[in-house]
C-alpha cells in the first residue's frame, strides 16, 4: 500500500510541476506579445507624430508662416 501511495504522490507532484511549467511558458509568451505590441504602438505613434509635423510644416510653408 505504501508503494502505491508513494507512486500516486510522485505522479501528482509530476503533474503539478508540469502544469506550473506550462503556466510559466504561457505567461512568458503573453509577456513577450505584450512587449511586442507596446513597441509596435510606440513606433506607430512616432510615425504619426512625424507625419503630423510634416503636415504642419507644409501648411506653414503654404501660408507663408514659416520664416
PDB file of N, CA and C in Angstrom:
ATOM      1  N   UNK A   1       0.838  -1.190   0.000  1.00  0.00           N
ATOM      2  CA  UNK A   1       0.000   0.000   0.000  1.00  0.00           C
ATOM      3  C   UNK A   1       0.879   1.249   0.000  1.00  0.00           C
ATOM      4  N   UNK A   2       1.993   1.200   0.724  1.00  0.00           N
ATOM      5  CA  UNK A   2       2.875   2.362   0.790  1.00  0.00           C
ATOM      6  C   UNK A   2       3.470   2.663  -0.578  1.00  0.00           C
ATOM      7  N   UNK A   3       3.816   1.598  -1.306  1.00  0.00           N
ATOM      8  CA  UNK A   3       4.380   1.816  -2.642  1.00  0.00           C
ATOM      9  C   UNK A   3       3.367   2.488  -3.555  1.00  0.00           C
ATOM     10  N   UNK A   4       2.124   2.072  -3.494  1.00  0.00           N
ATOM     11  CA  UNK A   4       1.062   2.645  -4.305  1.00  0.00           C
ATOM     12  C   UNK A   4       0.839   4.107  -3.929  1.00  0.00           C
ATOM     13  N   UNK A   5       0.860   4.397  -2.652  1.00  0.00           N
ATOM     14  CA  UNK A   5       0.662   5.759  -2.166  1.00  0.00           C
ATOM     15  C   UNK A   5       1.820   6.656  -2.594  1.00  0.00           C
ATOM     16  N   UNK A   6       3.035   6.125  -2.480  1.00  0.00           N
ATOM     17  CA  UNK A   6       4.206   6.907  -2.889  1.00  0.00           C
ATOM     18  C   UNK A   6       4.186   7.164  -4.394  1.00  0.00           C
ATOM     19  N   UNK A   7       3.783   6.151  -5.159  1.00  0.00           N
ATOM     20  CA  UNK A   7       3.723   6.294  -6.607  1.00  0.00           C
ATOM     21  C   UNK A   7       2.691   7.350  -6.990  1.00  0.00           C
ATOM     22  N   UNK A   8       1.536   7.306  -6.341  1.00  0.00           N
ATOM     23  CA  UNK A   8       0.493   8.286  -6.621  1.00  0.00           C
ATOM     24  C   UNK A   8       0.956   9.690  -6.243  1.00  0.00           C
ATOM     25  N   UNK A   9       1.618   9.800  -5.112  1.00  0.00           N
ATOM     26  CA  UNK A   9       2.134  11.092  -4.657  1.00  0.00           C
ATOM     27  C   UNK A   9       3.153  11.642  -5.656  1.00  0.00           C
ATOM     28  N   UNK A  10       4.008  10.756  -6.162  1.00  0.00           N
ATOM     29  CA  UNK A  10       5.014  11.156  -7.146  1.00  0.00           C
ATOM     30  C   UNK A  10       4.327  11.644  -8.427  1.00  0.00           C
ATOM     31  N   UNK A  11       3.317  10.899  -8.879  1.00  0.00           N
ATOM     32  CA  UNK A  11       2.611  11.264 -10.100  1.00  0.00           C
ATOM     33  C   UNK A  11       1.898  12.611  -9.949  1.00  0.00           C
ATOM     34  N   UNK A  12       1.314  12.844  -8.789  1.00  0.00           N
ATOM     35  CA  UNK A  12       0.653  14.125  -8.524  1.00  0.00           C
ATOM     36  C   UNK A  12       1.687  15.249  -8.546  1.00  0.00           C
ATOM     37  N   UNK A  13       2.831  15.011  -7.950  1.00  0.00           N
ATOM     38  CA  UNK A  13       3.906  16.011  -7.950  1.00  0.00           C
ATOM     39  C   UNK A  13       4.395  16.313  -9.352  1.00  0.00           C
ATOM     40  N   UNK A  14       4.542  15.262 -10.145  1.00  0.00           N
ATOM     41  CA  UNK A  14       4.963  15.437 -11.541  1.00  0.00           C
ATOM     42  C   UNK A  14       3.934  16.261 -12.315  1.00  0.00           C
ATOM     43  N   UNK A  15       2.677  15.914 -12.156  1.00  0.00           N
ATOM     44  CA  UNK A  15       1.617  16.640 -12.861  1.00  0.00           C
ATOM     45  C   UNK A  15       1.593  18.098 -12.441  1.00  0.00           C
ATOM     46  N   UNK A  16       1.772  18.347 -11.158  1.00  0.00           N
ATOM     47  CA  UNK A  16       1.779  19.723 -10.664  1.00  0.00           C
ATOM     48  C   UNK A  16       2.952  20.491 -11.253  1.00  0.00           C
ATOM     49  N   UNK A  17       4.116  19.865 -11.275  1.00  0.00           N
ATOM     50  CA  UNK A  17       5.298  20.520 -11.846  1.00  0.00           C
ATOM     51  C   UNK A  17       5.117  20.828 -13.320  1.00  0.00           C
ATOM     52  N   UNK A  18       4.533  19.897 -14.068  1.00  0.00           N
ATOM     53  CA  UNK A  18       4.305  20.115 -15.491  1.00  0.00           C
ATOM     54  C   UNK A  18       3.294  21.239 -15.712  1.00  0.00           C
ATOM     55  N   UNK A  19       2.270  21.282 -14.888  1.00  0.00           N
ATOM     56  CA  UNK A  19       1.264  22.339 -15.004  1.00  0.00           C
ATOM     57  C   UNK A  19       1.886  23.703 -14.716  1.00  0.00           C
ATOM     58  N   UNK A  20       2.743  23.754 -13.701  1.00  0.00           N
ATOM     59  CA  UNK A  20       3.399  25.023 -13.369  1.00  0.00           C
ATOM     60  C   UNK A  20       4.317  25.474 -14.503  1.00  0.00           C
ATOM     61  N   UNK A  21       5.025  24.527 -15.102  1.00  0.00           N
ATOM     62  CA  UNK A  21       5.916  24.854 -16.221  1.00  0.00           C
ATOM     63  C   UNK A  21       5.123  25.370 -17.415  1.00  0.00           C
ATOM     64  N   UNK A  22       4.006  24.721 -17.725  1.00  0.00           N
ATOM     65  CA  UNK A  22       3.170  25.175 -18.839  1.00  0.00           C
ATOM     66  C   UNK A  22       2.615  26.566 -18.559  1.00  0.00           C
ATOM     67  N   UNK A  23       2.178  26.801 -17.336  1.00  0.00           N
ATOM     68  CA  UNK A  23       1.645  28.114 -16.977  1.00  0.00           C
ATOM     69  C   UNK A  23       2.732  29.183 -17.108  1.00  0.00           C
ATOM     70  N   UNK A  24       3.933  28.839 -16.694  1.00  0.00           N
ATOM     71  CA  UNK A  24       5.046  29.780 -16.801  1.00  0.00           C
ATOM     72  C   UNK A  24       5.349  30.101 -18.265  1.00  0.00           C
ATOM     73  N   UNK A  25       5.308  29.077 -19.109  1.00  0.00           N
ATOM     74  CA  UNK A  25       5.551  29.293 -20.540  1.00  0.00           C
ATOM     75  C   UNK A  25       4.478  30.174 -21.157  1.00  0.00           C
ATOM     76  N   UNK A  26       3.239  29.939 -20.783  1.00  0.00           N
ATOM     77  CA  UNK A  26       2.131  30.760 -21.302  1.00  0.00           C
ATOM     78  C   UNK A  26       2.314  32.212 -20.863  1.00  0.00           C
ATOM     79  N   UNK A  27       2.682  32.413 -19.622  1.00  0.00           N
ATOM     80  CA  UNK A  27       2.880  33.778 -19.118  1.00  0.00           C
ATOM     81  C   UNK A  27       4.052  34.453 -19.835  1.00  0.00           C
ATOM     82  N   UNK A  28       5.105  33.701 -20.095  1.00  0.00           N
ATOM     83  CA  UNK A  28       6.247  34.265 -20.821  1.00  0.00           C
ATOM     84  C   UNK A  28       5.844  34.691 -22.227  1.00  0.00           C
ATOM     85  N   UNK A  29       5.073  33.846 -22.904  1.00  0.00           N
ATOM     86  CA  UNK A  29       4.627  34.181 -24.258  1.00  0.00           C
ATOM     87  C   UNK A  29       3.701  35.397 -24.237  1.00  0.00           C
ATOM     88  N   UNK A  30       2.840  35.470 -23.242  1.00  0.00           N
ATOM     89  CA  UNK A  30       1.938  36.610 -23.134  1.00  0.00           C
ATOM     90  C   UNK A  30       2.725  37.897 -22.882  1.00  0.00           C
ATOM     91  N   UNK A  31       3.733  37.796 -22.042  1.00  0.00           N
ATOM     92  CA  UNK A  31       4.565  38.961 -21.747  1.00  0.00           C
ATOM     93  C   UNK A  31       5.320  39.414 -22.994  1.00  0.00           C
ATOM     94  N   UNK A  32       5.852  38.444 -23.752  1.00  0.00           N
ATOM     95  CA  UNK A  32       6.556  38.775 -24.992  1.00  0.00           C
ATOM     96  C   UNK A  32       5.616  39.444 -25.986  1.00  0.00           C
ATOM     97  N   UNK A  33       4.402  38.933 -26.090  1.00  0.00           N
ATOM     98  CA  UNK A  33       3.420  39.505 -27.015  1.00  0.00           C
ATOM     99  C   UNK A  33       3.058  40.923 -26.595  1.00  0.00           C
ATOM    100  N   UNK A  34       2.900  41.135 -25.296  1.00  0.00           N
ATOM    101  CA  UNK A  34       2.565  42.472 -24.803  1.00  0.00           C
ATOM    102  C   UNK A  34       3.703  43.453 -25.085  1.00  0.00           C
ATOM    103  N   UNK A  35       4.930  43.017 -24.889  1.00  0.00           N
ATOM    104  CA  UNK A  35       6.086  43.875 -25.150  1.00  0.00           C
ATOM    105  C   UNK A  35       6.170  44.222 -26.635  1.00  0.00           C
ATOM    106  N   UNK A  36       5.937  43.236 -27.472  1.00  0.00           N
ATOM    107  CA  UNK A  36       5.969  43.456 -28.919  1.00  0.00           C
ATOM    108  C   UNK A  36       4.886  44.444 -29.341  1.00  0.00           C
ATOM    109  N   UNK A  37       3.703  44.297 -28.775  1.00  0.00           N
ATOM    110  CA  UNK A  37       2.603  45.211 -29.080  1.00  0.00           C
ATOM    111  C   UNK A  37       2.940  46.623 -28.633  1.00  0.00           C
ATOM    112  N   UNK A  38       3.516  46.731 -27.457  1.00  0.00           N
ATOM    113  CA  UNK A  38       3.904  48.048 -26.935  1.00  0.00           C
ATOM    114  C   UNK A  38       4.904  48.723 -27.877  1.00  0.00           C
ATOM    115  N   UNK A  39       5.897  47.959 -28.322  1.00  0.00           N
ATOM    116  CA  UNK A  39       6.907  48.522 -29.211  1.00  0.00           C
ATOM    117  C   UNK A  39       6.288  48.923 -30.553  1.00  0.00           C
ATOM    118  N   UNK A  40       5.374  48.108 -31.064  1.00  0.00           N
ATOM    119  CA  UNK A  40       4.714  48.431 -32.330  1.00  0.00           C
ATOM    120  C   UNK A  40       3.892  49.705 -32.203  1.00  0.00           C
ATOM    121  N   UNK A  41       3.185  49.845 -31.091  1.00  0.00           N
ATOM    122  CA  UNK A  41       2.377  51.046 -30.879  1.00  0.00           C
ATOM    123  C   UNK A  41       3.251  52.282 -30.726  1.00  0.00           C
ATOM    124  N   UNK A  42       4.385  52.135 -30.048  1.00  0.00           N
ATOM    125  CA  UNK A  42       5.287  53.275 -29.904  1.00  0.00           C
ATOM    126  C   UNK A  42       5.824  53.705 -31.264  1.00  0.00           C
ATOM    127  N   UNK A  43       6.185  52.731 -32.087  1.00  0.00           N
ATOM    128  CA  UNK A  43       6.695  53.047 -33.420  1.00  0.00           C
ATOM    129  C   UNK A  43       5.616  53.711 -34.267  1.00  0.00           C
ATOM    130  N   UNK A  44       4.397  53.191 -34.191  1.00  0.00           N
ATOM    131  CA  UNK A  44       3.292  53.786 -34.944  1.00  0.00           C
ATOM    132  C   UNK A  44       3.041  55.213 -34.475  1.00  0.00           C
ATOM    133  N   UNK A  45       3.115  55.435 -33.172  1.00  0.00           N
ATOM    134  CA  UNK A  45       2.922  56.781 -32.625  1.00  0.00           C
ATOM    135  C   UNK A  45       3.992  57.740 -33.112  1.00  0.00           C
ATOM    136  N   UNK A  46       5.227  57.273 -33.175  1.00  0.00           N
ATOM    137  CA  UNK A  46       6.313  58.125 -33.655  1.00  0.00           C
ATOM    138  C   UNK A  46       6.127  58.461 -35.131  1.00  0.00           C
ATOM    139  N   UNK A  47       5.678  57.473 -35.904  1.00  0.00           N
ATOM    140  CA  UNK A  47       5.437  57.729 -37.326  1.00  0.00           C
ATOM    141  C   UNK A  47       4.309  58.743 -37.510  1.00  0.00           C
ATOM    142  N   UNK A  48       3.253  58.599 -36.720  1.00  0.00           N
ATOM    143  CA  UNK A  48       2.129  59.546 -36.813  1.00  0.00           C
ATOM    144  C   UNK A  48       2.581  60.943 -36.420  1.00  0.00           C
ATOM    145  N   UNK A  49       3.399  61.035 -35.388  1.00  0.00           N
ATOM    146  CA  UNK A  49       3.889  62.335 -34.939  1.00  0.00           C
ATOM    147  C   UNK A  49       4.732  62.989 -36.036  1.00  0.00           C
ATOM    148  N   UNK A  50       5.576  62.198 -36.683  1.00  0.00           N
ATOM    149  CA  UNK A  50       6.410  62.735 -37.761  1.00  0.00           C
ATOM    150  C   UNK A  50       5.548  63.202 -38.928  1.00  0.00           C
ATOM    151  N   UNK A  51       4.524  62.433 -39.262  1.00  0.00           N
ATOM    152  CA  UNK A  51       3.633  62.825 -40.358  1.00  0.00           C
ATOM    153  C   UNK A  51       2.865  64.101 -40.004  1.00  0.00           C
ATOM    154  N   UNK A  52       2.424  64.195 -38.763  1.00  0.00           N
ATOM    155  CA  UNK A  52       1.696  65.394 -38.330  1.00  0.00           C
ATOM    156  C   UNK A  52       2.600  66.611 -38.389  1.00  0.00           C
ATOM    157  N   UNK A  53       3.843  66.438 -37.969  1.00  0.00           N
ATOM    158  CA  UNK A  53       4.787  67.560 -38.024  1.00  0.00           C
ATOM    159  C   UNK A  53       5.035  67.968 -39.470  1.00  0.00           C
ATOM    160  N   UNK A  54       5.131  66.977 -40.346  1.00  0.00           N
ATOM    161  CA  UNK A  54       5.303  67.272 -41.764  1.00  0.00           C
ATOM    162  C   UNK A  54       4.114  68.037 -42.320  1.00  0.00           C
ATOM    163  N   UNK A  55       2.914  67.667 -41.896  1.00  0.00           N
ATOM    164  CA  UNK A  55       1.711  68.377 -42.351  1.00  0.00           C
ATOM    165  C   UNK A  55       1.702  69.811 -41.837  1.00  0.00           C
ATOM    166  N   UNK A  56       2.084  69.994 -40.588  1.00  0.00           N
ATOM    167  CA  UNK A  56       2.146  71.346 -40.022  1.00  0.00           C
ATOM    168  C   UNK A  56       3.151  72.189 -40.796  1.00  0.00           C
ATOM    169  N   UNK A  57       4.307  71.620 -41.080  1.00  0.00           N
ATOM    170  CA  UNK A  57       5.323  72.352 -41.832  1.00  0.00           C
ATOM    171  C   UNK A  57       4.822  72.704 -43.235  1.00  0.00           C
ATOM    172  N   UNK A  58       4.090  71.769 -43.864  1.00  0.00           N
ATOM    173  CA  UNK A  58       3.559  72.025 -45.205  1.00  0.00           C
ATOM    174  C   UNK A  58       2.549  73.170 -45.174  1.00  0.00           C
ATOM    175  N   UNK A  59       1.703  73.212 -44.155  1.00  0.00           N
ATOM    176  CA  UNK A  59       0.722  74.294 -44.022  1.00  0.00           C
ATOM    177  C   UNK A  59       1.447  75.615 -43.788  1.00  0.00           C
ATOM    178  N   UNK A  60       2.464  75.585 -42.937  1.00  0.00           N
ATOM    179  CA  UNK A  60       3.223  76.819 -42.677  1.00  0.00           C
ATOM    180  C   UNK A  60       3.888  77.321 -43.949  1.00  0.00           C
ATOM    181  N   UNK A  61       4.473  76.399 -44.729  1.00  0.00           N
ATOM    182  CA  UNK A  61       5.106  76.784 -45.983  1.00  0.00           C
ATOM    183  C   UNK A  61       4.080  77.377 -46.949  1.00  0.00           C
ATOM    184  N   UNK A  62       2.935  76.735 -47.059  1.00  0.00           N
ATOM    185  CA  UNK A  62       1.906  77.180 -47.994  1.00  0.00           C
ATOM    186  C   UNK A  62       1.302  78.523 -47.589  1.00  0.00           C
ATOM    187  N   UNK A  63       1.236  78.798 -46.302  1.00  0.00           N
ATOM    188  CA  UNK A  63       0.613  80.039 -45.843  1.00  0.00           C
ATOM    189  C   UNK A  63       1.624  81.145 -45.621  1.00  0.00           C
ATOM    190  N   UNK A  64       2.882  80.835 -45.800  1.00  0.00           N
ATOM    191  CA  UNK A  64       3.928  81.833 -45.616  1.00  0.00           C
ATOM    192  C   UNK A  64       4.251  82.122 -44.170  1.00  0.00           C
ATOM    193  N   UNK A  65       3.807  81.254 -43.250  1.00  0.00           N
ATOM    194  CA  UNK A  65       4.065  81.458 -41.829  1.00  0.00           C
ATOM    195  C   UNK A  65       5.485  81.036 -41.434  1.00  0.00           C
ATOM    196  N   UNK A  66       6.097  80.211 -42.244  1.00  0.00           N
ATOM    197  CA  UNK A  66       7.424  79.712 -41.903  1.00  0.00           C
ATOM    198  C   UNK A  66       8.458  80.758 -42.295  1.00  0.00           C
ATOM    199  N   UNK A  67       9.298  81.092 -41.384  1.00  0.00           N
ATOM    200  CA  UNK A  67      10.293  82.147 -41.643  1.00  0.00           C
ATOM    201  C   UNK A  67      11.649  81.549 -41.904  1.00  0.00           C
TER     202      UNK A  67
END
